[in-house]
Protein backbone atom coordinates (compact mmCIF):
# COMPACT_ATOMS: atom_id res chain seq x y z
CA MET A 1 -21.90 -9.47 -2.62
CA THR A 2 -24.57 -12.16 -2.61
CA PHE A 3 -24.64 -14.86 -5.26
CA HIS A 4 -27.82 -13.33 -6.78
CA ARG A 5 -25.99 -10.05 -7.28
CA ILE A 6 -22.95 -11.77 -8.95
CA ALA A 7 -25.33 -13.84 -11.14
CA GLY A 8 -27.28 -10.73 -12.16
CA ALA A 9 -24.17 -8.55 -12.79
CA ALA A 10 -22.61 -11.33 -14.91
CA TYR A 11 -25.98 -11.96 -16.93
CA ARG A 12 -26.19 -8.22 -17.68
CA ALA A 13 -22.50 -8.15 -18.84
CA VAL A 14 -22.91 -11.08 -21.29
CA THR A 15 -26.13 -9.96 -22.67
CA ALA A 16 -25.48 -6.15 -22.99
CA ALA A 17 -26.29 -4.39 -26.13
CA LYS A 18 -23.11 -3.62 -28.04
CA ASP A 19 -22.66 0.09 -28.89
CA GLY A 20 -19.40 0.30 -30.78
CA PRO A 21 -16.06 -1.49 -30.99
CA SER A 22 -15.07 -3.81 -27.87
CA LEU A 23 -11.71 -4.02 -26.33
CA TYR A 24 -11.22 -7.09 -28.44
CA ASP A 25 -12.23 -5.47 -31.63
CA VAL A 26 -9.66 -2.82 -31.07
CA CYS A 27 -6.72 -5.11 -29.91
CA ASP A 28 -7.14 -8.62 -31.30
CA PRO A 29 -6.00 -7.59 -34.73
CA LEU A 30 -2.91 -5.92 -33.32
CA LEU A 31 -1.85 -7.98 -30.45
CA LEU A 32 -3.37 -11.51 -30.43
CA LYS A 33 -0.83 -12.78 -32.96
CA TYR A 34 2.06 -10.99 -34.51
CA ALA A 35 5.77 -11.33 -35.58
CA GLY A 36 8.48 -8.91 -34.71
CA GLY A 37 8.27 -5.89 -32.48
CA ASP A 38 7.98 -6.13 -28.66
CA PRO A 39 6.82 -9.68 -27.76
CA HIS A 40 5.82 -8.67 -24.12
CA LEU A 41 3.06 -6.46 -25.20
CA GLY A 42 1.07 -9.32 -26.80
CA LYS A 43 2.01 -11.68 -24.03
CA PHE A 44 0.63 -9.26 -21.53
CA TYR A 45 -2.59 -8.69 -23.47
CA ARG A 46 -3.22 -12.40 -24.00
CA THR A 47 -2.54 -13.17 -20.24
CA ALA A 48 -4.14 -10.35 -18.45
CA LEU A 49 -6.91 -9.02 -20.83
CA GLY A 50 -7.55 -11.51 -23.61
CA ASN A 51 -7.95 -14.53 -21.25
CA PRO A 52 -11.16 -16.77 -21.25
CA ALA A 53 -12.34 -15.50 -18.03
CA LEU A 54 -12.55 -11.78 -18.84
CA ARG A 55 -13.51 -12.16 -22.61
CA PRO A 56 -17.26 -13.13 -21.93
CA LEU A 57 -17.69 -10.30 -19.48
CA LEU A 58 -16.28 -7.61 -21.81
CA ARG A 59 -16.85 -8.92 -25.43
CA ARG A 60 -20.18 -6.96 -25.63
CA THR A 61 -19.02 -3.73 -24.20
CA GLY A 62 -18.27 -1.24 -26.97
CA LEU A 63 -17.50 2.52 -26.81
CA SER A 64 -19.79 4.61 -28.89
CA GLU A 65 -16.99 7.16 -29.65
CA LEU A 66 -14.93 4.50 -31.40
CA ARG A 67 -17.48 4.21 -34.13
CA ASP A 68 -15.64 7.27 -35.38
CA GLU A 69 -13.26 5.62 -37.80
CA ALA A 70 -10.74 8.35 -37.27
CA ARG A 71 -10.67 8.09 -33.58
CA LEU A 72 -10.46 4.15 -33.77
CA GLN A 73 -7.54 4.28 -36.24
CA ARG A 74 -5.73 6.76 -34.07
CA LEU A 75 -5.95 4.40 -30.97
CA ARG A 76 -4.92 1.41 -33.18
CA ASP A 77 -1.85 3.45 -34.62
CA ALA A 78 -0.89 4.10 -30.92
CA LEU A 79 -1.05 0.51 -30.03
CA GLY A 80 0.92 -0.37 -33.17
CA GLN A 81 3.58 2.11 -32.29
CA ALA A 82 3.86 0.56 -28.76
CA ARG A 83 4.25 -2.77 -30.27
CA ASP A 84 6.64 -2.04 -33.19
CA HIS A 85 8.88 0.79 -32.15
CA ALA A 86 12.26 0.28 -30.57
CA GLU A 87 11.93 3.64 -28.67
CA PRO A 88 8.40 4.48 -28.48
CA ASP A 89 7.10 7.97 -27.94
CA TRP A 90 5.09 7.11 -24.83
CA ALA A 91 3.39 10.61 -24.58
CA ALA A 92 1.98 10.35 -28.05
CA ILE A 93 1.11 6.70 -27.64
CA GLY A 94 -0.79 7.38 -24.29
CA ALA A 95 -2.66 10.30 -25.53
CA PRO A 96 -5.67 8.63 -27.22
CA VAL A 97 -5.95 6.29 -24.26
CA ALA A 98 -5.78 9.30 -21.85
CA ASP A 99 -8.81 10.94 -23.68
CA LEU A 100 -10.72 7.69 -23.05
CA VAL A 101 -9.65 7.38 -19.38
CA ASP A 102 -11.12 10.85 -18.72
CA THR A 103 -14.49 9.54 -19.67
CA ILE A 104 -14.41 7.27 -16.55
CA GLU A 105 -16.47 8.27 -13.52
CA LEU A 106 -14.79 7.08 -10.32
CA ALA A 107 -14.85 8.41 -6.80
CA HIS A 108 -13.39 7.58 -3.47
CA PRO A 109 -15.72 5.86 -0.74
CA ARG A 110 -17.91 8.26 1.07
CA PRO A 111 -19.34 6.26 3.99
CA PRO A 112 -22.46 7.43 5.75
CA ALA A 113 -22.59 8.65 9.23
CA GLY A 114 -22.11 5.90 11.74
CA PRO A 115 -23.60 5.16 15.17
CA ALA A 116 -22.12 6.55 18.24
CA PRO A 117 -22.26 4.01 20.92
CA ALA A 118 -21.93 5.39 24.54
CA ARG A 119 -19.74 2.67 25.96
CA PRO A 120 -17.03 0.27 24.51
CA PRO A 121 -17.44 -3.39 24.76
CA ASP A 122 -16.56 -5.10 27.93
CA MET A 123 -12.75 -5.98 28.51
CA ALA A 124 -13.23 -9.76 28.34
CA GLN A 125 -14.50 -9.40 24.78
CA ILE A 126 -11.58 -7.03 23.84
CA GLU A 127 -9.07 -9.58 25.26
CA GLY A 128 -10.74 -12.46 23.83
CA THR A 129 -10.46 -10.85 20.30
CA ILE A 130 -6.79 -10.05 20.97
CA ARG A 131 -6.29 -13.69 21.68
CA SER A 132 -8.02 -14.85 18.62
CA CYS A 133 -6.13 -12.51 16.35
CA ALA A 134 -2.66 -13.73 17.92
CA ALA A 135 -3.77 -17.37 17.42
CA HIS A 136 -4.63 -16.74 13.94
CA LEU A 137 -1.06 -15.29 13.16
CA LEU A 138 0.75 -18.05 15.07
CA LYS A 139 -1.36 -20.81 13.47
CA SER A 140 -0.66 -19.23 10.05
CA PHE A 141 3.04 -19.14 10.82
CA ARG A 142 2.99 -22.68 11.97
CA SER A 143 1.13 -23.88 8.86
CA ASN A 144 3.03 -22.07 6.24
CA GLY A 145 6.46 -21.41 7.75
CA PHE A 146 5.65 -17.81 7.40
CA ILE A 147 2.67 -15.47 7.64
CA PRO A 148 1.32 -14.82 4.21
CA THR A 149 -0.02 -11.62 2.55
CA TYR A 150 -1.97 -11.44 -0.63
CA ALA A 151 -2.17 -9.31 -3.79
CA ALA A 152 -5.20 -8.81 -5.86
CA PHE A 153 -5.98 -6.68 -9.09
CA ASN A 154 -8.89 -4.45 -9.20
CA LEU A 155 -9.05 -3.87 -12.99
CA ILE A 156 -11.29 -0.73 -12.66
CA GLY A 157 -8.19 1.14 -11.42
CA ASP A 158 -7.69 3.93 -8.86
CA ALA A 159 -9.92 7.02 -8.74
CA ASP A 160 -7.00 9.33 -8.58
CA LEU A 161 -5.31 7.90 -11.83
CA ARG A 162 -6.95 9.94 -14.67
CA GLY A 163 -5.56 10.31 -18.23
CA ARG A 164 -3.08 13.05 -16.96
CA GLU A 165 -1.65 10.73 -14.32
CA MET A 166 -1.50 7.83 -16.75
CA LEU A 167 0.68 9.86 -19.05
CA MET A 168 2.98 10.68 -16.13
CA ALA A 169 3.29 6.95 -15.40
CA LEU A 170 4.01 6.19 -18.99
CA THR A 171 6.69 8.79 -19.36
CA GLY A 172 8.20 8.40 -15.87
CA LEU A 173 8.46 4.57 -15.46
CA ASN A 174 11.68 2.91 -16.68
CA SER A 175 10.70 -0.67 -17.49
CA ARG A 176 9.05 -1.16 -20.91
CA GLY A 177 7.11 -4.10 -19.55
CA TYR A 178 5.73 -1.92 -16.91
CA LYS A 179 4.88 0.88 -19.39
CA ASN A 180 3.14 -1.96 -21.52
CA SER A 181 0.93 -3.17 -18.67
CA THR A 182 0.06 0.56 -17.63
CA LEU A 183 -1.03 1.30 -21.12
CA LEU A 184 -3.16 -1.85 -21.64
CA PHE A 185 -4.71 -1.78 -18.09
CA ASN A 186 -5.69 1.70 -18.40
CA LEU A 187 -7.28 0.95 -21.86
CA ALA A 188 -9.19 -1.97 -20.24
CA ARG A 189 -10.30 0.35 -17.43
CA VAL A 190 -12.50 2.29 -19.84
CA PHE A 191 -14.28 -0.70 -21.09
CA ILE A 192 -14.73 -2.16 -17.62
CA ALA A 193 -16.05 1.15 -16.07
CA ARG A 194 -18.55 1.52 -18.87
CA SER A 195 -19.81 -1.93 -18.79
CA PRO A 196 -22.42 -3.82 -16.73
CA ALA A 197 -19.33 -5.83 -15.79
CA ARG A 198 -18.25 -2.98 -13.53
CA ALA A 199 -20.87 -4.06 -10.86
CA LEU A 200 -19.10 -7.53 -10.68
CA ILE A 201 -15.55 -6.28 -10.77
CA ASN A 202 -15.97 -3.31 -8.52
CA PRO A 203 -19.05 -3.65 -6.19
CA PRO A 204 -19.58 -1.13 -3.42
CA TRP A 205 -18.28 -1.89 0.24
CA LYS A 206 -18.62 -0.69 3.75
CA GLY A 207 -16.15 1.74 5.02
CA ILE A 208 -12.93 3.14 3.42
CA ALA A 209 -10.38 0.30 3.08
CA GLU A 210 -11.40 -1.92 0.16
CA PRO A 211 -12.31 -5.58 0.95
CA MET A 212 -10.08 -7.98 -1.20
CA TRP A 213 -13.04 -10.14 -2.54
CA GLU A 214 -11.36 -10.65 -6.08
CA PRO A 215 -11.16 -14.42 -6.78
CA MET A 216 -7.47 -14.34 -7.99
CA GLN A 217 -5.34 -13.45 -4.93
CA ILE A 218 -1.47 -13.96 -5.13
CA ARG A 219 -0.04 -15.17 -1.88
CA HIS A 220 3.53 -14.06 -1.26
CA ARG A 221 6.11 -13.04 1.37
CA SER A 222 8.10 -9.75 1.92
CA ALA A 223 10.21 -8.19 4.51
CA TYR A 224 7.90 -5.33 4.65
CA TYR A 225 5.13 -7.61 5.72
CA ASP A 226 7.21 -9.62 8.11
CA ALA A 227 8.30 -6.41 9.91
CA PHE A 228 4.68 -5.61 10.67
CA PHE A 229 3.80 -9.17 11.79
CA THR A 230 6.81 -8.71 14.01
CA GLU A 231 5.46 -5.75 15.53
CA ALA A 232 1.96 -7.24 16.07
CA LEU A 233 3.47 -10.30 17.88
CA LEU A 234 5.51 -7.93 20.05
CA SER A 235 2.36 -6.00 20.85
CA PHE A 236 0.67 -9.27 21.76
CA ALA A 237 3.61 -10.13 24.21
CA GLU A 238 3.26 -6.63 25.80
CA THR A 239 -0.38 -7.35 26.73
CA GLY A 240 0.54 -10.30 29.03
CA LEU A 241 -2.27 -12.30 27.55
CA ALA A 242 -0.20 -14.98 25.76
CA SER A 243 0.01 -18.45 27.20
CA PRO A 244 3.47 -19.86 27.78
CA ASP A 245 3.23 -21.81 24.67
CA GLN A 246 2.15 -18.77 22.68
CA ALA A 247 4.89 -16.60 24.14
CA ASN A 248 7.50 -19.18 23.02
CA ALA A 249 5.93 -19.53 19.56
CA SER A 250 5.88 -15.76 19.37
CA ARG A 251 9.54 -15.47 20.07
CA ARG A 252 10.35 -18.15 17.60
CA ALA A 253 8.29 -16.49 14.81
CA ILE A 254 9.87 -12.98 15.66
CA THR A 255 13.37 -14.35 15.52
CA GLU A 256 12.68 -16.22 12.25
CA MET A 257 11.00 -12.99 10.69
CA VAL A 258 13.77 -10.74 11.71
CA ASP A 259 16.37 -12.80 10.17
CA PHE A 260 14.20 -13.01 6.92
CA CYS A 261 14.27 -9.13 6.88
CA LEU A 262 18.00 -8.47 7.79
CA THR A 263 19.61 -11.53 6.17
CA THR A 264 17.45 -13.13 3.43
CA SER A 265 16.00 -9.86 2.13
CA ALA A 266 19.28 -7.81 2.37
CA GLU A 267 20.93 -6.34 -0.63
CA ASP A 268 23.97 -4.22 -1.31
CA VAL A 269 23.49 -0.81 -3.06
CA ARG A 270 25.58 2.19 -3.87
CA SER A 271 25.08 5.38 -1.80
CA HIS A 272 25.25 8.93 -3.26
CA ASP A 273 28.77 9.13 -1.79
CA GLY A 274 30.05 6.02 -3.54
CA SER A 275 30.03 3.91 -0.38
CA ILE A 276 28.20 0.51 -0.21
CA VAL A 277 25.18 0.18 1.93
CA ARG A 278 23.20 -2.85 2.88
CA VAL A 279 19.43 -2.16 2.53
CA ILE A 280 16.22 -4.28 2.38
CA THR A 281 14.69 -5.42 -0.93
CA ALA A 282 10.98 -5.21 -1.51
CA LEU A 283 10.84 -8.80 -2.81
CA ALA A 284 13.67 -11.22 -2.24
CA PRO A 285 14.73 -13.55 -5.16
CA LEU A 286 12.86 -16.67 -5.72
CA PRO A 287 12.07 -18.90 -3.94
CA HIS A 288 11.80 -16.78 -0.83
CA PRO A 289 8.61 -14.79 -1.96
CA ARG A 290 6.85 -18.11 -1.76
CA PHE A 291 4.92 -17.70 -5.03
CA SER A 292 3.21 -20.64 -6.41
CA LYS A 293 4.83 -21.86 -9.88
CA PHE A 294 1.57 -20.56 -11.63
CA PHE A 295 1.65 -17.10 -10.34
CA ALA A 296 5.68 -16.81 -10.49
CA GLN A 297 5.13 -17.29 -14.29
CA ILE A 298 2.10 -14.86 -14.42
CA LYS A 299 4.28 -12.22 -12.52
CA GLN A 300 7.00 -12.52 -15.23
CA ASP A 301 4.43 -12.35 -18.11
CA LEU A 302 2.88 -9.25 -16.68
CA GLY A 303 6.11 -7.57 -16.74
CA PHE A 304 6.90 -7.58 -12.92
CA GLY A 305 10.17 -9.37 -13.32
CA ILE A 306 12.54 -6.89 -11.58
CA TYR A 307 12.04 -5.63 -8.01
CA VAL A 308 14.51 -3.32 -6.36
CA PRO A 309 14.92 -2.16 -2.77
CA ASP A 310 12.87 0.64 -1.25
CA CYS A 311 13.25 3.08 1.47
CA ASP A 312 10.11 1.99 3.15
CA THR A 313 10.78 -1.66 3.49
CA THR A 314 14.41 -0.83 4.68
CA ALA A 315 13.01 1.51 7.37
CA CYS A 316 10.30 -0.75 8.67
CA ALA A 317 12.59 -3.86 8.72
CA PHE A 318 15.21 -1.88 10.72
CA SER A 319 12.54 -0.60 13.12
CA ALA A 320 10.99 -3.93 13.85
CA ALA A 321 14.38 -5.59 14.38
CA THR A 322 15.33 -2.77 16.78
CA GLN A 323 12.19 -3.29 18.61
CA ALA A 324 12.78 -7.01 18.85
CA GLY A 325 16.20 -6.34 20.34
CA ALA A 326 18.28 -7.56 17.28
CA THR A 327 22.02 -6.89 17.40
CA ASP A 328 22.79 -7.55 13.62
CA PRO A 329 25.56 -5.10 12.57
CA ILE A 330 23.41 -4.01 9.70
CA LEU A 331 21.32 -1.88 12.13
CA ASP A 332 24.41 0.16 12.91
CA GLN A 333 24.22 1.71 9.52
CA PRO A 334 22.98 5.29 9.98
CA LEU A 335 20.30 5.19 7.36
CA LEU A 336 19.70 9.04 7.45
CA ASP A 337 23.03 9.34 5.65
CA PHE A 338 21.87 7.19 2.86
CA TYR A 339 18.38 8.54 2.77
CA ALA A 340 19.73 12.02 2.31
CA GLY A 341 20.84 11.00 -1.21
CA TYR A 342 17.28 10.39 -2.02
CA GLN A 343 15.87 13.40 -0.39
CA VAL A 344 14.11 15.97 -2.70
CA ALA A 345 15.48 19.58 -2.63
CA GLU A 346 13.31 22.55 -3.45
CA GLY A 347 13.17 23.25 -7.08
CA ALA A 348 15.01 19.93 -7.96
CA ASN A 349 12.01 17.45 -7.89
CA GLU A 350 12.33 16.24 -11.50
CA PRO A 351 15.62 14.20 -11.20
CA LYS A 352 14.26 12.23 -8.29
CA VAL A 353 10.43 12.10 -8.62
CA THR A 354 9.77 10.92 -12.27
CA VAL A 355 6.25 9.72 -11.57
CA PRO A 356 4.66 12.55 -9.68
CA LEU A 357 1.08 11.35 -9.32
CA ASN A 358 0.56 13.22 -6.13
CA ASP A 359 1.93 16.56 -7.43
CA ASN A 360 -0.61 18.47 -5.54
CA ILE A 361 1.78 18.36 -2.49
CA ASP A 362 5.26 20.02 -1.96
CA TYR A 363 7.91 17.33 -2.07
CA GLU A 364 10.67 19.51 -0.58
CA GLY A 365 12.32 17.48 2.19
CA GLY A 366 10.68 14.29 1.37
CA VAL A 367 12.47 11.10 0.60
CA VAL A 368 11.53 9.05 -2.56
CA THR A 369 10.54 5.40 -2.55
CA TRP A 370 12.71 3.20 -4.85
CA ILE A 371 16.48 2.61 -4.44
CA ASP A 372 18.67 1.84 -7.50
CA ASN A 373 20.22 -1.74 -7.35
CA LEU A 374 23.87 -2.27 -7.97
CA ARG A 375 23.04 -2.58 -11.73
CA GLY A 376 21.49 0.81 -11.76
CA GLU A 377 17.94 -0.56 -12.48
CA ARG A 378 14.85 1.33 -11.31
CA PRO A 379 11.98 -0.13 -13.34
CA PHE A 380 9.23 1.89 -11.37
CA GLY A 381 10.97 5.29 -11.84
CA ASN A 382 10.55 7.01 -8.67
CA ASP A 383 7.67 8.52 -6.65
CA LEU A 384 7.28 10.11 -3.18
CA ASP A 385 4.88 8.87 -0.49
CA PRO A 386 4.25 10.73 2.81
CA THR A 387 3.60 7.73 4.83
CA LEU A 388 6.89 6.33 3.85
CA ASN A 389 8.57 9.38 5.28
CA LEU A 390 6.84 8.89 8.59
CA ASP A 391 8.52 5.34 8.78
CA ILE A 392 11.98 7.02 8.10
CA LEU A 393 11.36 9.36 11.07
CA GLU A 394 10.17 6.45 13.33
CA VAL A 395 13.18 4.25 12.72
CA SER A 396 15.40 7.28 13.31
CA PHE A 397 13.89 7.99 16.48
CA ARG A 398 14.30 4.43 17.62
CA ASN A 399 18.05 4.56 16.72
CA LEU A 400 18.74 8.05 17.77
CA ALA A 401 21.58 7.34 20.00
CA ARG A 402 23.00 4.38 17.91
CA TRP A 403 23.19 6.50 14.68
CA LYS A 404 24.34 9.70 16.75
CA VAL A 405 21.68 11.70 15.05
CA LEU A 406 21.94 14.72 17.50
CA GLU A 407 25.65 14.63 17.39
CA THR A 408 25.82 14.77 13.56
CA PRO A 409 24.50 18.01 12.05
CA ALA A 410 23.98 16.57 8.61
CA ARG A 411 21.71 13.69 9.98
CA LEU A 412 19.82 16.08 12.05
CA ALA A 413 19.25 18.42 9.18
CA THR A 414 17.90 15.38 7.17
CA ALA A 415 15.35 14.66 9.85
CA HIS A 416 14.40 18.47 10.10
CA ARG A 417 13.68 18.58 6.45
CA ILE A 418 11.37 15.35 6.64
CA ILE A 419 9.62 16.85 9.54
CA GLY A 420 9.17 20.21 7.73
CA PHE A 421 7.68 18.17 4.73
CA GLN A 422 5.17 16.52 7.12
CA LYS A 423 4.26 19.87 8.68
CA ARG A 424 3.44 21.48 5.26
CA LEU A 425 1.38 18.40 4.24
CA VAL A 426 -0.67 18.26 7.45
CA LEU A 427 -1.09 21.94 8.08
CA SER A 428 -2.34 22.38 4.46
CA GLY A 429 -5.01 19.63 4.99
CA ALA A 430 -3.47 17.75 1.91
CA PHE A 431 -2.87 14.53 4.26
CA ALA A 432 -6.61 13.94 4.19
CA ASN A 433 -6.83 13.87 0.38
CA PRO A 434 -6.29 10.42 -0.97
CA ARG A 435 -4.53 11.85 -4.05
CA SER A 436 -1.72 13.06 -1.86
CA HIS A 437 -0.73 9.44 -1.02
CA ILE A 438 0.93 6.93 -3.52
CA TYR A 439 0.68 3.61 -1.54
CA TYR A 440 -1.74 4.19 1.33
CA LEU A 441 -5.03 5.59 2.60
CA PRO A 442 -5.16 8.94 4.54
CA GLU A 443 -6.58 6.66 7.29
CA LEU A 444 -3.40 4.64 7.39
CA TYR A 445 -1.36 7.79 7.33
CA CYS A 446 -2.93 8.73 10.58
CA ALA A 447 -2.28 5.31 12.26
CA TYR A 448 1.30 5.47 11.07
CA PHE A 449 1.67 9.02 12.45
CA GLY A 450 0.61 7.70 15.67
CA ARG A 451 3.21 5.14 15.54
CA CYS A 452 5.85 7.73 14.61
CA TYR A 453 4.55 10.01 17.55
CA ALA A 454 4.98 7.21 20.09
CA ALA A 455 8.53 6.78 19.09
CA PHE A 456 9.06 10.53 19.26
CA THR A 457 7.56 10.94 22.75
CA ALA A 458 9.62 8.03 24.06
CA LEU A 459 12.74 10.25 23.42
CA PRO A 460 14.10 12.04 26.43
CA PRO A 461 12.93 15.69 26.68
CA ALA A 462 16.27 16.99 25.26
CA GLY A 463 16.15 14.76 22.38
CA GLN A 464 12.44 15.91 21.48
CA ALA A 465 13.60 19.51 21.92
CA ALA A 466 16.61 19.03 19.42
CA ILE A 467 14.52 16.97 16.86
CA ASP A 468 11.39 19.31 16.96
CA PRO A 469 12.41 22.76 18.21
CA ASP A 470 9.18 24.39 16.99
CA GLY A 471 6.51 22.05 18.24
CA THR A 472 5.52 20.43 14.91
CA PHE A 473 4.59 17.16 16.27
CA GLY A 474 2.15 18.81 18.65
CA LEU A 475 0.57 20.56 15.86
CA VAL A 476 0.26 17.48 13.58
CA ARG A 477 -1.11 15.59 16.53
CA GLU A 478 -3.97 17.90 16.76
CA LYS A 479 -4.85 17.87 13.00
CA VAL A 480 -4.59 14.06 12.70
CA LEU A 481 -6.71 13.53 15.94
CA ALA A 482 -9.20 15.90 14.63
CA TYR A 483 -9.42 14.01 11.24
CA VAL A 484 -9.69 10.61 13.03
CA GLN A 485 -12.27 11.74 15.48
CA GLY A 486 -14.35 14.12 13.16
CA GLU A 487 -14.32 12.04 9.98
CA LEU A 488 -13.06 8.48 10.38
CA ILE A 489 -14.89 7.21 13.37
CA ALA A 490 -17.87 9.43 12.90
CA HIS A 491 -18.72 7.43 9.68
CA GLU A 492 -19.41 3.81 8.90
CA MET A 493 -16.38 1.72 9.15
CA ASN A 494 -15.18 -1.72 8.48
CA ALA A 495 -12.92 -3.75 10.83
CA PHE A 496 -9.69 -2.52 9.04
CA ASP A 497 -10.86 1.10 9.30
CA ALA A 498 -11.54 0.58 12.87
CA ALA A 499 -8.20 -0.91 13.66
CA LEU A 500 -6.42 2.13 11.98
CA ALA A 501 -8.59 4.42 14.12
CA LEU A 502 -7.57 2.62 17.37
CA ILE A 503 -3.96 2.75 16.43
CA ALA A 504 -4.15 6.55 15.81
CA LEU A 505 -6.25 7.23 18.86
CA GLY A 506 -4.20 5.07 21.23
CA HIS A 507 -0.94 6.51 20.26
CA LEU A 508 -2.02 10.03 20.24
CA GLY A 509 -3.70 9.92 23.65
CA ALA A 510 -7.35 10.44 22.66
CA PRO A 511 -9.98 10.51 25.47
CA LEU A 512 -11.48 6.99 26.20
CA ALA A 513 -14.95 7.93 24.80
CA ALA A 514 -13.34 8.24 21.29
CA PHE A 515 -12.48 4.52 21.26
CA ALA A 516 -16.04 3.19 21.49
CA PRO A 517 -17.16 3.41 17.78
CA ALA A 518 -14.18 1.57 16.61
CA LEU A 519 -14.20 -0.97 19.31
CA HIS A 520 -17.93 -1.66 18.51
CA CYS A 521 -17.14 -2.11 14.94
CA ILE A 522 -14.50 -4.74 15.54
CA ALA A 523 -16.57 -6.42 18.13
CA GLU A 524 -19.55 -6.64 15.57
CA SER A 525 -17.09 -7.88 12.77
CA VAL A 526 -15.55 -10.75 14.62
CA GLY A 527 -16.24 -13.98 12.66
CA GLU A 528 -16.67 -12.27 9.18
CA GLY A 529 -13.52 -13.93 7.87
CA GLY A 530 -15.13 -17.38 8.20
CA ARG A 531 -12.61 -20.22 8.05
CA ARG A 532 -9.87 -18.00 6.90
CA GLY A 533 -9.65 -16.10 10.17
CA PRO A 534 -11.55 -13.86 12.44
CA PHE A 535 -11.84 -11.01 9.87
CA LYS A 536 -11.87 -10.50 6.12
CA ALA A 537 -8.86 -9.26 3.96
CA TYR A 538 -8.78 -5.53 3.48
CA GLU A 539 -6.63 -3.08 1.56
CA TRP A 540 -3.53 -2.39 3.57
CA ASN A 541 -1.47 -0.84 0.82
CA LYS A 542 -1.85 -0.56 -2.95
CA MET A 543 -0.21 0.29 -6.28
CA LYS A 544 -1.96 2.85 -8.47
CA THR A 545 -0.06 1.72 -11.47
CA PRO A 546 -0.20 -0.31 -13.71
CA THR A 547 -3.72 -0.70 -12.19
CA ARG A 548 -5.07 -0.77 -8.75
CA ILE A 549 -3.27 -3.64 -7.03
CA LEU A 550 -4.29 -4.15 -3.46
CA VAL A 551 -2.13 -5.78 -0.68
CA GLY A 552 -3.60 -7.20 2.45
CA GLY A 553 -5.15 -10.42 3.72
CA PRO A 554 -6.92 -11.99 6.58
CA GLU A 555 -3.71 -12.17 8.62
CA VAL A 556 -3.01 -8.64 7.99
CA THR A 557 -6.34 -7.45 9.33
CA SER A 558 -5.75 -9.70 12.42
CA ALA A 559 -2.29 -7.92 12.98
CA PHE A 560 -3.72 -4.57 12.67
CA VAL A 561 -6.78 -5.39 14.79
CA LEU A 562 -4.55 -6.90 17.53
CA MET A 563 -2.39 -3.81 17.64
CA GLY A 564 -5.29 -1.39 17.76
CA LEU A 565 -7.14 -3.52 20.61
CA ALA A 566 -3.81 -3.73 22.55
CA LEU A 567 -3.58 -0.02 22.50
CA ALA A 568 -7.10 0.55 23.39
CA ARG A 569 -6.79 -1.94 26.25
CA ARG A 570 -3.91 -0.21 27.56
CA ALA A 571 -5.61 3.00 27.41
CA MET A 572 -8.70 1.62 29.32
CA MET A 573 -6.72 0.07 32.11
CA ALA A 574 -4.82 3.25 32.47
CA GLY A 575 -8.09 5.02 32.90
CA GLY A 576 -9.27 2.65 35.61
CA ARG A 577 -11.59 0.22 33.50
CA ASN A 578 -9.88 -2.98 34.50
């Protein structure tokens, strides 16, 4: 977005004609100063919505329907109940906000058709970009002592979160602070989406993955990110393009990141059979996430004080460590036994999936996201994401012999049920619907299926036959490839989209001609990151509640581009283009 567009959007926001009460007219009398009740609601309001940066942009945005005194009073009464009641009725409180949320018009990106180049860039350019991405990751590790990732708030929210889904979150989340933030963020979404400030807060972009151009980005570290940076550096080593110094630096970084995953971020939890299992937490205790003091306090003020372990971070950390050759005893735990306790059974979704934002899909056989800590806390309730379940399969394939999956009927049955969940999702076409996914894009699902498929095809034929007796992986491969070739690479992409396409195409054995659009997109995007790296920061994963929170960073883009180009290079060399 150019300076002139930013200035124009800001000017229109601060000079707009006011057509009804603003967010601040509604909330200031209730939440700016008060005694008693829940102090967090007011603290959140002042920190996130009533701050001096946002006020000028939204103070002249009013909602015409709130000129109806009865409707305005109903909304204020709901906010008062959220503030004052010890045990609020969140469904009743959320109802007037949900009605307003349903007036928002949001849609997922629909990129235009893209060019279809006949030939990919030459090998020297591909290898040069691989080296640039690896150098970026290693320099970042050397400078920071870790490879950072960033979180950024998009206050306009997610297109899939309508009034109905907001009520699901309010009634299904467990933390009162998280309910508070969900309620107020969703109220603010309405004013933002119906204001000229919308063009400033949510400008259009190229491709599918959203660029992270918000000015407030929170740098942090997590085992989930370290696991994928480990895989990226392993991918670089496999290309043979690393200099001796880079190879040594990569090994040191991998060793340190695996230790961060398996030791620093490990946490004991109780399994469904009463045994103690060591899993990996989403966000290790301070100071390990490496927040600045400023953002550490803001995180607390916004209601994100407690983080619990999750099934995805555990699976990805175990997988990266396995690929790196780690021998920590933690890896001997057969995770499928533990995951079975978090697996949904048909007709019994409610006890496990409390926030069913993607209830358009059949959950049977899927494993939910969040793990109760030893204190029994689960602030985010629970949800179920398809991509997470691919990661569980992938780590199980890598540890098939170690965990004796084929020799243990219960473990094999757990894997079969997850595969059945994926089969129904993909054959129904729901995998291509963004609403089906909680934390990821459909395009990322395709890349992660490729990663899972590669681990599956690396198994001996007898193992493949036992894991997939009815050929589900072949059927899913066809559907995913058709989507990547017919939709993703046929339309305009950004560098992150292109990296996801290459990962899927490379792992799933697509014809060489299919690589050309994504390779050209990456070649044309090199340098877009300026001084921060070869590429911009894009959406890797996201939260849909309490608002749309994107996670990514320039290093993340470099890691995914590196992995995608390494796979494309391998396919091209195998095809004789060396």
